[in-house]
Amino acid sequence: MKLTFRGTGDSMGVPRVYCDCGVCEEARESGTNRRYRSALQIEDEELGHTWIDCGPDWGKQMEAAGVRLLDRMLITHAHFDHIGGLVEWADACRWTGRQGEAFAPAETIGEITARFPWLPRQIAFQSSDDGMTIGGWHIRTWRVNHGKNGYAYAFRFDHSGSGTAWAYCSDAIALTEEQLEPLYGLDLLILGTSFYEEPYPFETRSVYDVKEALVLIEELRPGRTLFTHISHDIDLRNSYSLPEGVDFATTGMTVTI
């Protein structure tokens, strides 16, 4: 299985249109810190060509990937930075005569179709509430706290043949013990961390910061951790002295499982 980070940014992306901080200016000039909204491309013999989330940068991300068609989409929640590209995908499906396939929790599907009631004409939405098995991969999803932004969902992938396990949890904070349980025993954890140390009151926040995530990783002990959903607080030109096996995901970064 090959995973490629097509987007690693938070809801605003980097550069932020209003911002002239050093990170945003660098992102405009050389692109080291340029971050589209978070999305993960999965390429696997059994799963085919699958993406997690379809934000408003989806078209640019597809062009960067050199990809024209998808087998399916997994959706973590109905915030615009995770579903804003579904209209464009539906239009692509219409023009190519293909039916898109999207898996999401039932409540998320309800929110999406209430906002965009025409999408089911081109995209077949299926509930992921009871999990799904595709080839040797069993995929489960569960609700996670998203702080002031309500809730999101995480996905865990387990392979029946190899025993490989990895998870994608891009939008979460203050997870309960029950919500943490599926994040144990992972070869790879992909976790959202918008700031290194977020300075705002806890009740106004929605995603772990890096310092909190490092404490969490000490408990979960995944084989490897990659941080995504990164704001303009993180400057990839700097060294953050992350522990071994922990890194920031970067645009276009590929890892093999």
Protein backbone atom coordinates (compact mmCIF):
# COMPACT_ATOMS: atom_id res chain seq x y z
CA MET A 1 0.00 0.00 0.00
CA LYS A 2 1.27 3.47 -0.93
CA LEU A 3 -0.01 6.55 0.91
CA THR A 4 0.57 10.02 -0.55
CA PHE A 5 -0.25 13.22 1.31
CA ARG A 6 -2.02 15.39 -1.25
CA GLY A 7 -2.88 17.95 1.40
CA THR A 8 -1.52 18.56 4.89
CA GLY A 9 -3.10 21.92 5.75
CA ASP A 10 -5.72 22.99 8.25
CA SER A 11 -9.05 24.54 7.28
CA MET A 12 -7.45 27.72 5.87
CA GLY A 13 -4.50 26.08 4.14
CA VAL A 14 -1.09 27.72 3.78
CA PRO A 15 -0.57 30.44 2.70
CA ARG A 16 -3.59 32.10 4.27
CA VAL A 17 -4.91 34.69 1.84
CA TYR A 18 -4.91 37.45 4.47
CA CYS A 19 -1.53 36.67 6.06
CA ASP A 20 1.98 37.99 5.45
CA CYS A 21 3.76 36.01 8.20
CA GLY A 22 7.12 34.43 7.38
CA VAL A 23 5.61 30.98 6.81
CA CYS A 24 2.89 32.24 4.47
CA GLU A 25 5.36 34.41 2.52
CA GLU A 26 7.74 31.46 2.14
CA ALA A 27 4.85 29.28 0.98
CA ARG A 28 4.09 31.83 -1.77
CA GLU A 29 7.70 32.15 -2.86
CA SER A 30 9.32 28.71 -2.74
CA GLY A 31 6.51 26.44 -1.57
CA THR A 32 8.25 24.51 1.19
CA ASN A 33 5.37 25.37 3.53
CA ARG A 34 2.58 25.39 0.91
CA ARG A 35 -0.23 23.20 2.22
CA TYR A 36 -3.48 22.33 0.52
CA ARG A 37 -6.36 21.22 2.71
CA SER A 38 -5.77 17.78 4.23
CA ALA A 39 -6.32 14.78 1.97
CA LEU A 40 -4.68 11.36 1.67
CA GLN A 41 -4.29 9.33 -1.53
CA ILE A 42 -4.26 5.53 -1.09
CA GLU A 43 -2.98 3.20 -3.81
CA ASP A 44 -3.33 -0.51 -3.13
CA GLU A 45 -3.99 -3.67 -5.15
CA GLU A 46 -6.98 -4.53 -2.95
CA LEU A 47 -8.32 -1.07 -2.12
CA GLY A 48 -7.67 0.33 -5.57
CA HIS A 49 -7.42 4.10 -5.85
CA THR A 50 -9.02 5.55 -2.72
CA TRP A 51 -8.84 9.02 -1.17
CA ILE A 52 -9.62 10.20 2.34
CA ASP A 53 -11.52 13.51 2.22
CA CYS A 54 -12.34 15.78 -0.68
CA GLY A 55 -11.71 19.40 0.25
CA PRO A 56 -11.88 22.52 -1.92
CA ASP A 57 -8.34 21.92 -3.27
CA TRP A 58 -9.32 18.51 -4.68
CA GLY A 59 -8.98 19.50 -8.34
CA LYS A 60 -5.47 20.91 -7.85
CA GLN A 61 -4.52 17.85 -5.83
CA MET A 62 -5.73 15.50 -8.57
CA GLU A 63 -3.71 17.44 -11.14
CA ALA A 64 -0.62 17.23 -8.94
CA ALA A 65 -1.17 13.49 -8.58
CA GLY A 66 -1.69 13.01 -12.32
CA VAL A 67 -4.91 11.16 -11.55
CA ARG A 68 -8.18 11.38 -13.50
CA LEU A 69 -10.42 8.78 -11.86
CA LEU A 70 -10.98 7.46 -8.32
CA ASP A 71 -12.40 4.15 -7.15
CA ARG A 72 -13.84 5.59 -3.94
CA MET A 73 -13.72 8.30 -1.31
CA LEU A 74 -13.73 8.01 2.50
CA ILE A 75 -15.02 11.09 4.32
CA THR A 76 -14.16 11.97 7.92
CA HIS A 77 -16.78 14.69 8.52
CA ALA A 78 -18.87 17.33 6.79
CA HIS A 79 -16.80 20.47 7.39
CA PHE A 80 -16.14 22.40 4.19
CA ASP A 81 -12.37 21.83 4.21
CA HIS A 82 -13.11 18.09 3.99
CA ILE A 83 -16.06 18.03 1.55
CA GLY A 84 -15.74 21.22 -0.52
CA GLY A 85 -14.47 19.28 -3.55
CA LEU A 86 -17.37 16.82 -3.69
CA VAL A 87 -19.28 19.09 -6.10
CA GLU A 88 -16.29 19.09 -8.47
CA TRP A 89 -15.90 15.32 -8.15
CA ALA A 90 -19.60 14.81 -8.87
CA ASP A 91 -19.27 16.97 -11.97
CA ALA A 92 -16.25 14.93 -13.09
CA CYS A 93 -18.29 11.75 -12.58
CA ARG A 94 -21.10 13.19 -14.70
CA TRP A 95 -18.81 14.10 -17.57
CA THR A 96 -17.00 10.74 -17.54
CA GLY A 97 -20.19 8.71 -17.16
CA ARG A 98 -19.01 7.08 -13.93
CA GLN A 99 -20.77 6.69 -10.58
CA GLY A 100 -18.65 7.85 -7.67
CA GLU A 101 -18.58 5.80 -4.47
CA ALA A 102 -18.20 7.48 -1.08
CA PHE A 103 -18.18 5.94 2.40
CA ALA A 104 -18.96 8.02 5.47
CA PRO A 105 -20.88 7.70 8.73
CA ALA A 106 -24.64 7.99 8.23
CA GLU A 107 -24.90 11.29 10.11
CA THR A 108 -22.15 12.76 7.94
CA ILE A 109 -23.91 11.58 4.78
CA GLY A 110 -27.07 13.27 6.04
CA GLU A 111 -25.24 16.57 6.54
CA ILE A 112 -23.62 16.39 3.10
CA THR A 113 -26.79 15.58 1.20
CA ALA A 114 -28.79 18.22 3.09
CA ARG A 115 -26.27 20.80 1.90
CA PHE A 116 -25.84 19.40 -1.61
CA PRO A 117 -29.02 17.42 -2.37
CA TRP A 118 -28.05 16.75 -5.99
CA LEU A 119 -24.81 14.89 -5.21
CA PRO A 120 -26.39 11.39 -4.90
CA ARG A 121 -27.22 11.54 -8.61
CA GLN A 122 -23.49 11.15 -9.33
CA ILE A 123 -22.05 9.79 -6.08
CA ALA A 124 -23.36 6.68 -4.29
CA PHE A 125 -23.03 7.37 -0.57
CA GLN A 126 -22.74 4.34 1.70
CA SER A 127 -22.66 4.23 5.47
CA SER A 128 -19.40 3.20 7.10
CA ASP A 129 -20.97 2.87 10.55
CA ASP A 130 -20.67 -0.93 10.63
CA GLY A 131 -17.23 -0.99 9.04
CA MET A 132 -16.36 -2.40 5.64
CA THR A 133 -14.08 -5.06 4.19
CA ILE A 134 -12.37 -4.52 0.84
CA GLY A 135 -10.00 -7.30 -0.17
CA GLY A 136 -7.97 -8.15 2.93
CA TRP A 137 -8.51 -4.72 4.49
CA HIS A 138 -11.06 -4.23 7.24
CA ILE A 139 -11.86 -0.55 7.75
CA ARG A 140 -13.62 0.76 10.83
CA THR A 141 -14.69 4.28 11.70
CA TRP A 142 -15.61 5.90 15.00
CA ARG A 143 -16.66 9.29 16.31
CA VAL A 144 -13.98 11.54 17.86
CA ASN A 145 -14.12 14.84 19.72
CA HIS A 146 -13.41 17.84 17.48
CA GLY A 147 -13.48 20.42 20.28
CA LYS A 148 -15.43 23.60 19.57
CA ASN A 149 -16.15 22.25 16.07
CA GLY A 150 -18.24 19.36 17.40
CA TYR A 151 -17.20 15.97 16.09
CA ALA A 152 -15.34 14.20 13.32
CA TYR A 153 -14.58 10.55 12.55
CA ALA A 154 -11.34 8.58 12.36
CA PHE A 155 -10.56 5.54 10.19
CA ARG A 156 -8.55 2.46 11.16
CA PHE A 157 -7.28 -0.03 8.54
CA ASP A 158 -6.38 -3.62 9.50
CA HIS A 159 -5.09 -6.19 7.04
CA SER A 160 -6.15 -9.76 7.70
CA GLY A 161 -3.17 -11.32 5.94
CA SER A 162 -0.21 -9.22 7.07
CA GLY A 163 -1.53 -7.97 10.40
CA THR A 164 -0.65 -4.42 9.35
CA ALA A 165 -2.67 -1.69 11.07
CA TRP A 166 -2.75 2.07 10.53
CA ALA A 167 -5.15 4.92 11.30
CA TYR A 168 -6.08 8.37 10.05
CA CYS A 169 -7.31 10.85 12.68
CA SER A 170 -6.99 14.34 11.22
CA ASP A 171 -9.42 16.41 13.31
CA ALA A 172 -9.50 15.55 17.01
CA ILE A 173 -8.72 16.82 20.49
CA ALA A 174 -9.26 15.60 24.06
CA LEU A 175 -10.06 12.05 23.00
CA THR A 176 -11.73 9.87 25.63
CA GLU A 177 -10.38 6.45 26.57
CA GLU A 178 -13.07 4.86 24.41
CA GLN A 179 -12.11 7.02 21.44
CA LEU A 180 -8.41 6.28 21.96
CA GLU A 181 -8.86 2.49 22.05
CA PRO A 182 -8.69 1.95 18.24
CA LEU A 183 -5.45 3.96 18.10
CA TYR A 184 -3.43 1.36 20.00
CA GLY A 185 -1.35 -1.29 18.22
CA LEU A 186 -0.69 0.73 15.06
CA ASP A 187 2.20 0.51 12.63
CA LEU A 188 1.37 4.06 11.49
CA LEU A 189 -0.70 6.84 13.06
CA ILE A 190 -1.62 9.91 11.01
CA LEU A 191 -2.74 12.60 13.45
CA GLY A 192 -3.84 16.21 13.05
CA THR A 193 -1.76 18.87 14.86
CA SER A 194 -2.41 22.46 13.78
CA PHE A 195 0.06 24.33 16.04
CA TYR A 196 3.26 23.46 17.87
CA GLU A 197 1.83 24.93 21.07
CA GLU A 198 -1.58 26.49 20.50
CA PRO A 199 -1.91 29.71 22.54
CA TYR A 200 -5.70 30.01 22.55
CA PRO A 201 -8.09 28.99 25.37
CA PHE A 202 -8.74 25.26 25.34
CA GLU A 203 -12.50 25.69 24.96
CA THR A 204 -11.96 27.55 21.67
CA ARG A 205 -9.74 24.87 20.12
CA SER A 206 -10.52 21.92 17.84
CA VAL A 207 -7.30 19.97 17.12
CA TYR A 208 -4.34 18.72 19.18
CA ASP A 209 -1.15 20.74 19.12
CA VAL A 210 2.23 19.05 18.64
CA LYS A 211 3.24 19.12 22.31
CA GLU A 212 -0.06 17.46 23.32
CA ALA A 213 0.29 14.92 20.52
CA LEU A 214 3.77 13.93 21.66
CA VAL A 215 2.39 13.14 25.11
CA LEU A 216 -0.41 11.12 23.51
CA ILE A 217 2.05 9.16 21.37
CA GLU A 218 3.97 8.17 24.49
CA GLU A 219 0.80 6.38 25.58
CA LEU A 220 -0.29 4.95 22.21
CA ARG A 221 3.22 3.93 21.02
CA PRO A 222 2.57 3.54 17.29
CA GLY A 223 5.44 2.32 15.13
CA ARG A 224 5.50 5.64 13.28
CA THR A 225 3.56 8.91 13.52
CA LEU A 226 3.01 11.58 10.88
CA PHE A 227 1.38 14.92 11.67
CA THR A 228 -1.07 16.52 9.23
CA HIS A 229 -3.75 19.29 9.31
CA ILE A 230 -0.92 21.79 9.89
CA SER A 231 -1.43 25.57 10.18
CA HIS A 232 0.94 28.43 9.35
CA ASP A 233 2.35 28.12 12.86
CA ILE A 234 4.64 25.30 11.71
CA ASP A 235 7.67 26.26 9.62
CA LEU A 236 9.19 23.22 7.92
CA ARG A 237 12.49 25.08 7.55
CA ASN A 238 12.92 24.81 11.33
CA SER A 239 13.94 21.83 13.43
CA TYR A 240 11.44 20.86 16.11
CA SER A 241 13.55 18.04 17.58
CA LEU A 242 10.78 15.51 17.16
CA PRO A 243 11.49 12.05 18.57
CA GLU A 244 12.52 9.17 16.34
CA GLY A 245 9.60 7.86 14.29
CA VAL A 246 7.66 11.15 14.42
CA ASP A 247 7.60 13.61 11.51
CA PHE A 248 5.51 16.31 9.87
CA ALA A 249 3.83 15.13 6.68
CA THR A 250 4.67 17.27 3.67
CA THR A 251 2.87 17.96 0.42
CA GLY A 252 3.43 15.04 -1.96
CA MET A 253 5.12 12.91 0.70
CA THR A 254 4.72 9.16 0.07
CA VAL A 255 5.03 6.34 2.57
CA THR A 256 4.75 2.63 1.90
CA ILE A 257 3.05 0.21 4.28
